[in-house]
N, C-alpha and C. Protein backbone atom coordinates (compact mmCIF):
# COMPACT_ATOMS: atom_id res chain seq x y z
N MET A 1 -13.92 -16.22 2.41
CA MET A 1 -12.43 -15.24 1.71
C MET A 1 -13.18 -14.38 1.08
N GLY A 2 -12.59 -13.15 0.87
CA GLY A 2 -12.88 -11.58 0.47
C GLY A 2 -12.67 -11.61 -0.72
N THR A 3 -13.24 -10.97 -1.24
CA THR A 3 -13.06 -10.67 -2.83
C THR A 3 -11.74 -9.37 -2.78
N PRO A 4 -11.49 -9.38 -4.19
CA PRO A 4 -10.40 -8.44 -4.09
C PRO A 4 -10.78 -6.91 -3.71
N ASP A 5 -11.88 -6.38 -3.82
CA ASP A 5 -12.38 -5.53 -3.54
C ASP A 5 -12.22 -5.23 -2.03
N ASP A 6 -12.20 -6.11 -0.97
CA ASP A 6 -12.59 -5.91 -0.14
C ASP A 6 -11.14 -6.07 0.41
N ILE A 7 -9.83 -6.17 -0.10
CA ILE A 7 -8.63 -6.11 0.30
C ILE A 7 -8.24 -3.91 0.64
N PRO A 8 -7.86 -3.99 1.78
CA PRO A 8 -7.34 -2.62 2.10
C PRO A 8 -6.54 -2.48 0.85
N ARG A 9 -5.97 -1.23 0.15
CA ARG A 9 -4.97 -0.80 -0.92
C ARG A 9 -3.87 -0.22 -0.05
N ARG A 10 -3.70 0.17 1.14
CA ARG A 10 -3.02 0.97 2.09
C ARG A 10 -2.87 0.02 3.29
N ALA A 11 -1.33 -0.10 3.30
CA ALA A 11 -0.99 -0.78 4.76
C ALA A 11 -1.29 0.17 5.83
N SER A 12 -1.59 -0.18 6.93
CA SER A 12 -1.94 0.64 8.29
C SER A 12 -0.73 0.33 8.94
N GLY A 13 -0.27 1.55 9.83
CA GLY A 13 0.70 1.56 10.63
C GLY A 13 1.76 2.11 10.03
N GLU A 14 3.04 2.13 10.65
CA GLU A 14 4.12 2.63 10.36
C GLU A 14 4.67 2.11 9.55
N ARG A 15 5.63 2.62 8.55
CA ARG A 15 6.28 1.80 7.37
C ARG A 15 7.89 1.01 8.53
N PRO A 16 8.12 -0.11 8.00
CA PRO A 16 9.34 -0.71 8.58
C PRO A 16 10.33 -0.48 8.02
N TYR A 17 11.65 0.08 8.68
CA TYR A 17 12.67 0.06 7.97
C TYR A 17 13.89 -0.92 8.71
N PHE A 18 14.53 -1.04 7.78
CA PHE A 18 15.87 -1.97 7.69
C PHE A 18 17.13 -1.69 7.55
N PHE A 19 17.41 -0.46 6.79
CA PHE A 19 18.56 -0.23 6.52
C PHE A 19 18.73 1.41 7.70
N ASP A 20 19.84 2.02 7.75
CA ASP A 20 19.74 3.20 8.58
C ASP A 20 19.65 4.28 8.06
N ASP A 21 19.96 4.35 6.51
CA ASP A 21 19.23 5.13 5.48
C ASP A 21 17.62 4.66 5.25
N PRO A 22 16.49 5.89 5.76
CA PRO A 22 15.37 5.36 5.05
C PRO A 22 15.28 5.38 3.33
N ALA A 23 15.67 5.92 2.84
CA ALA A 23 16.10 6.13 1.36
C ALA A 23 16.45 4.74 0.77
N ILE A 24 17.22 4.11 1.39
CA ILE A 24 17.57 2.68 0.92
C ILE A 24 16.33 2.01 0.76
N ASP A 25 15.56 1.67 1.99
CA ASP A 25 14.39 1.07 2.39
C ASP A 25 13.38 1.75 1.00
N GLN A 26 13.59 2.83 1.25
CA GLN A 26 12.40 3.00 -0.09
C GLN A 26 12.61 2.80 -1.45
N LEU A 27 14.15 2.54 -2.14
CA LEU A 27 14.43 2.04 -3.43
C LEU A 27 14.15 0.80 -3.08
N TYR A 28 14.57 -0.23 -2.09
CA TYR A 28 13.82 -1.52 -2.38
C TYR A 28 12.67 -2.05 -2.31
N ALA A 29 11.86 -0.97 -1.68
CA ALA A 29 10.30 -0.97 -1.80
C ALA A 29 9.82 -1.02 -3.43
N VAL A 30 10.44 -0.29 -4.07
CA VAL A 30 10.48 0.56 -5.41
C VAL A 30 10.82 -0.63 -6.40
N LEU A 31 11.98 -1.04 -5.92
CA LEU A 31 12.43 -2.25 -6.79
C LEU A 31 11.28 -3.77 -6.57
N LEU A 32 11.35 -3.89 -5.37
CA LEU A 32 10.37 -5.39 -5.29
C LEU A 32 8.58 -4.92 -5.90
N ALA A 33 8.40 -3.79 -5.53
CA ALA A 33 6.94 -3.49 -6.70
C ALA A 33 7.39 -3.60 -8.02
N LEU A 34 8.02 -2.86 -8.36
CA LEU A 34 8.62 -3.35 -10.17
C LEU A 34 8.89 -4.90 -10.49
N ALA A 35 9.92 -5.48 -9.70
CA ALA A 35 9.91 -6.77 -9.75
C ALA A 35 8.44 -7.53 -9.74
N GLY A 36 7.72 -7.40 -8.63
CA GLY A 36 6.37 -8.08 -8.44
C GLY A 36 5.42 -7.02 -9.61
N GLU A 37 5.45 -6.48 -10.32
CA GLU A 37 4.33 -5.89 -10.95
C GLU A 37 5.00 -6.59 -12.97
N LEU A 38 6.01 -6.63 -13.08
CA LEU A 38 6.97 -7.11 -13.78
C LEU A 38 6.76 -8.33 -14.06
N SER A 39 6.52 -9.07 -13.13
CA SER A 39 6.38 -10.66 -12.99
C SER A 39 5.16 -10.96 -13.60
N VAL A 40 4.08 -10.50 -13.13
CA VAL A 40 2.60 -10.62 -13.15
C VAL A 40 2.43 -10.53 -14.78
N ALA A 41 3.05 -9.24 -15.25
CA ALA A 41 2.84 -9.04 -16.64
C ALA A 41 3.19 -9.95 -17.73
N TRP A 42 4.55 -10.18 -17.28
CA TRP A 42 5.25 -11.51 -18.15
C TRP A 42 4.56 -12.33 -18.30
N ASP A 43 4.07 -13.27 -16.92
CA ASP A 43 3.17 -14.10 -16.82
C ASP A 43 2.20 -14.06 -18.01
N ARG A 44 1.08 -13.63 -17.89
CA ARG A 44 -0.26 -12.58 -18.47
C ARG A 44 0.24 -12.89 -19.83
N ILE A 45 1.28 -11.90 -20.47
CA ILE A 45 1.72 -11.97 -21.51
C ILE A 45 2.08 -13.05 -22.64
N ASP A 46 2.38 -13.93 -21.43
CA ASP A 46 3.20 -15.20 -22.04
C ASP A 46 1.81 -16.44 -22.35
N ALA A 47 0.94 -16.41 -21.19
CA ALA A 47 -0.54 -16.88 -21.18
C ALA A 47 -1.03 -16.57 -22.40
N LEU A 48 -1.13 -15.18 -22.61
CA LEU A 48 -2.13 -14.81 -23.75
C LEU A 48 -1.17 -15.02 -25.08
N GLU A 49 -0.28 -15.04 -25.19
CA GLU A 49 0.25 -15.46 -26.46
C GLU A 49 0.46 -16.92 -26.93
N ARG A 50 0.62 -17.57 -26.39
CA ARG A 50 0.56 -18.90 -26.03
C ARG A 50 -0.98 -19.69 -26.27
N LEU A 51 -2.07 -18.73 -25.78
CA LEU A 51 -3.50 -19.39 -26.29
C LEU A 51 -3.77 -18.96 -27.45
N LEU A 52 -3.54 -17.77 -28.02
CA LEU A 52 -3.59 -17.04 -29.26
C LEU A 52 -3.16 -18.20 -30.14
N VAL A 53 -1.95 -18.35 -29.87
CA VAL A 53 -1.05 -19.07 -31.40
C VAL A 53 -1.61 -20.39 -30.95
N ALA A 54 -1.89 -21.00 -30.05
CA ALA A 54 -2.25 -22.48 -29.65
C ALA A 54 -3.68 -22.46 -30.77
N ARG A 55 -4.61 -21.54 -30.53
CA ARG A 55 -6.00 -21.36 -31.14
C ARG A 55 -5.74 -20.75 -32.66
N ASP A 56 -4.57 -20.90 -33.39
CA ASP A 56 -4.60 -20.15 -34.21
C ASP A 56 -4.75 -18.67 -34.77
N ILE A 57 -5.17 -18.05 -34.04
CA ILE A 57 -4.94 -16.75 -33.93
C ILE A 57 -4.09 -15.73 -34.29
N LEU A 58 -3.07 -15.81 -34.01
CA LEU A 58 -1.92 -15.12 -34.31
C LEU A 58 -0.52 -16.05 -34.73
N ALA A 59 0.22 -15.75 -35.30
CA ALA A 59 0.99 -16.32 -35.70
C ALA A 59 2.19 -16.28 -34.57
N PRO A 60 3.24 -17.53 -34.73
CA PRO A 60 4.08 -16.98 -33.75
C PRO A 60 4.50 -15.81 -33.66
N GLY A 61 5.41 -14.93 -33.05
CA GLY A 61 5.88 -13.66 -32.94
C GLY A 61 5.22 -12.47 -33.59
N GLU A 62 3.93 -12.57 -33.80
CA GLU A 62 3.10 -11.88 -34.64
C GLU A 62 2.76 -10.24 -33.24
N VAL A 63 3.03 -10.43 -32.26
CA VAL A 63 2.67 -9.95 -31.29
C VAL A 63 3.78 -8.93 -31.35
N ALA A 64 5.34 -8.95 -31.70
CA ALA A 64 6.46 -8.42 -31.82
C ALA A 64 6.23 -7.30 -32.43
N GLY A 65 5.69 -7.50 -33.64
CA GLY A 65 5.44 -6.92 -35.42
C GLY A 65 4.29 -5.64 -34.73
N PHE A 66 3.29 -6.07 -33.90
CA PHE A 66 2.32 -4.92 -33.76
C PHE A 66 2.57 -3.70 -33.15
N VAL A 67 2.04 -2.76 -33.98
CA VAL A 67 1.71 -1.19 -33.93
C VAL A 67 0.43 -0.74 -33.47
N PRO A 68 0.97 0.22 -32.38
CA PRO A 68 -0.72 0.13 -32.05
C PRO A 68 -1.09 1.64 -32.43
N ASP A 69 -2.52 1.70 -32.34
CA ASP A 69 -2.89 2.90 -32.60
C ASP A 69 -3.05 4.24 -31.63
N GLU A 70 -3.40 5.17 -32.03
CA GLU A 70 -3.55 6.47 -31.06
C GLU A 70 -4.50 5.80 -30.07
N ALA A 71 -5.86 5.04 -30.30
CA ALA A 71 -6.66 4.48 -28.94
C ALA A 71 -5.49 3.71 -27.90
N ALA A 72 -4.86 2.65 -28.43
CA ALA A 72 -4.03 1.88 -27.67
C ALA A 72 -3.02 2.82 -27.29
N THR A 73 -2.03 3.45 -27.92
CA THR A 73 -1.30 4.34 -27.56
C THR A 73 -1.74 5.25 -26.08
N ALA A 74 -2.73 5.66 -26.37
CA ALA A 74 -3.70 6.63 -25.11
C ALA A 74 -3.88 5.84 -23.78
N GLU A 75 -4.18 4.58 -24.31
CA GLU A 75 -4.62 3.22 -23.26
C GLU A 75 -3.58 3.16 -22.54
N ARG A 76 -2.46 2.50 -23.12
CA ARG A 76 -1.36 2.28 -22.50
C ARG A 76 -0.45 3.33 -21.57
N ALA A 77 -0.64 4.46 -22.41
CA ALA A 77 -0.03 6.03 -21.77
C ALA A 77 -0.67 5.86 -19.94
N ALA A 78 -2.26 5.63 -20.14
CA ALA A 78 -2.79 5.63 -19.00
C ALA A 78 -2.59 4.84 -18.21
N ARG A 79 -2.38 3.89 -18.45
CA ARG A 79 -1.83 2.19 -17.37
C ARG A 79 -0.45 2.86 -17.05
N ARG A 80 0.17 2.99 -17.87
CA ARG A 80 1.86 3.30 -17.26
C ARG A 80 1.70 4.58 -16.09
N ARG A 81 0.73 5.36 -16.10
CA ARG A 81 0.69 6.56 -15.33
C ARG A 81 0.27 5.78 -14.00
N GLY A 82 -0.55 4.97 -14.13
CA GLY A 82 -0.55 4.22 -12.96
C GLY A 82 0.17 2.88 -12.38
N THR A 83 1.01 2.46 -12.92
CA THR A 83 1.75 1.84 -12.90
C THR A 83 2.96 2.88 -12.17
N ILE A 84 3.07 3.76 -12.46
CA ILE A 84 4.85 4.89 -12.28
C ILE A 84 3.82 4.99 -10.87
N GLU A 85 2.30 5.39 -10.74
CA GLU A 85 2.24 5.90 -9.53
C GLU A 85 2.13 4.83 -8.46
N ARG A 86 1.84 3.81 -8.75
CA ARG A 86 2.01 2.06 -7.60
C ARG A 86 3.37 1.99 -7.21
N LEU A 87 4.54 2.52 -8.07
CA LEU A 87 5.75 1.89 -8.00
C LEU A 87 6.04 2.99 -6.77
N PHE A 88 6.03 4.52 -7.15
CA PHE A 88 6.52 5.27 -6.60
C PHE A 88 5.70 6.08 -5.80
N ARG A 89 5.19 5.11 -5.42
CA ARG A 89 4.09 5.86 -3.91
C ARG A 89 4.86 5.98 -2.65
N VAL A 90 6.01 4.99 -2.38
CA VAL A 90 6.54 4.78 -1.39
C VAL A 90 7.06 6.15 -1.01
N LEU A 91 7.57 6.76 -2.25
CA LEU A 91 8.58 7.81 -2.11
C LEU A 91 7.91 9.32 -2.03
N THR A 92 6.57 9.52 -1.91
CA THR A 92 5.66 10.57 -1.76
C THR A 92 5.18 10.40 -0.27
N PRO A 93 4.83 11.95 0.09
CA PRO A 93 4.54 12.22 1.52
C PRO A 93 3.01 11.11 1.46
N GLU A 94 2.74 10.49 2.76
CA GLU A 94 1.16 9.93 3.08
C GLU A 94 0.03 10.92 2.29
N GLY A 95 -0.69 10.28 1.73
CA GLY A 95 -2.08 11.14 1.27
C GLY A 95 -1.64 11.77 0.20
N THR A 96 -1.01 11.95 -0.90
CA THR A 96 -0.51 12.56 -1.79
C THR A 96 0.13 11.53 -2.53
N SER A 97 -0.29 12.25 -3.97
CA SER A 97 0.27 11.90 -5.26
C SER A 97 1.37 12.03 -6.40
N LEU A 98 1.72 11.49 -6.96
CA LEU A 98 2.89 12.05 -7.45
C LEU A 98 1.62 13.08 -9.08
N ALA A 99 2.24 14.04 -9.51
CA ALA A 99 2.03 14.90 -10.45
C ALA A 99 2.27 14.54 -11.68
N PRO A 100 1.36 14.74 -12.44
CA PRO A 100 0.87 14.05 -13.80
C PRO A 100 1.84 14.85 -14.89
N ALA A 101 2.56 13.78 -15.73
CA ALA A 101 3.68 14.70 -16.50
C ALA A 101 2.76 16.04 -17.09
N ALA A 102 1.83 16.22 -17.52
CA ALA A 102 1.44 17.78 -18.08
C ALA A 102 1.85 18.39 -17.05
N ASP A 103 1.68 18.52 -16.13
CA ASP A 103 2.20 19.46 -14.52
C ASP A 103 3.92 19.33 -14.41
N MET A 104 4.51 18.91 -15.37
CA MET A 104 5.95 19.21 -14.83
C MET A 104 6.24 19.77 -16.49
N PRO A 105 6.54 20.78 -16.83
CA PRO A 105 7.12 21.42 -18.25
C PRO A 105 8.36 20.68 -18.33
N GLU A 106 9.18 20.46 -17.55
CA GLU A 106 10.45 20.30 -17.72
C GLU A 106 10.37 18.68 -18.33
N ILE A 107 9.65 17.90 -17.76
CA ILE A 107 9.31 16.46 -18.01
C ILE A 107 8.69 16.58 -19.39
N THR A 108 7.65 17.05 -19.87
CA THR A 108 6.78 17.10 -21.14
C THR A 108 8.06 17.45 -22.11
N ARG A 109 8.87 18.32 -22.01
CA ARG A 109 9.85 18.87 -22.64
C ARG A 109 10.67 17.57 -23.01
N ILE A 110 11.06 16.96 -22.30
CA ILE A 110 12.02 16.05 -22.26
C ILE A 110 11.30 14.88 -23.02
N ILE A 111 9.90 14.27 -23.19
CA ILE A 111 9.42 13.43 -23.40
C ILE A 111 9.32 13.83 -25.14
N ALA A 112 8.85 15.21 -24.90
CA ALA A 112 9.06 15.45 -26.72
C ALA A 112 10.33 15.78 -27.16
N GLU A 113 11.48 15.81 -26.58
CA GLU A 113 12.28 15.42 -27.63
C GLU A 113 12.96 14.14 -27.73
N LEU A 114 12.67 12.87 -26.75
CA LEU A 114 12.35 11.55 -26.83
C LEU A 114 11.60 11.47 -28.21
N LYS A 115 10.57 11.51 -28.36
CA LYS A 115 9.94 11.39 -29.46
C LYS A 115 10.48 11.39 -30.61
N GLN A 116 11.26 12.59 -30.91
CA GLN A 116 12.33 13.39 -32.05
C GLN A 116 12.97 12.51 -32.65
N GLY A 117 13.67 11.82 -31.45
CA GLY A 117 14.82 11.15 -31.80
C GLY A 117 15.96 12.03 -31.31
């Protein structure tokens, strides 16, 4: 059996289409990718919290009150960008990637406004 590094990261061949409008297929692909990502994340979060509580490292509910520092916030942002890249890859032309938010001034402005409340 191969290791995770042996698994191809891109499918070969044409993308299958099931609906008359390829955009609907793309939307379903994004939703399914998101559902898969979210399911795995929730399972891992649940396992970690249960292990930490069982070992008296954390109190029940302590994770909900956690406030990340700047380094954790930056790491989360980088991970979020990777997740968004994977989720929306189906909407980008083959061989290209999504532009980072820093390259999109309008998005950067909206994010700044949202942070201000």
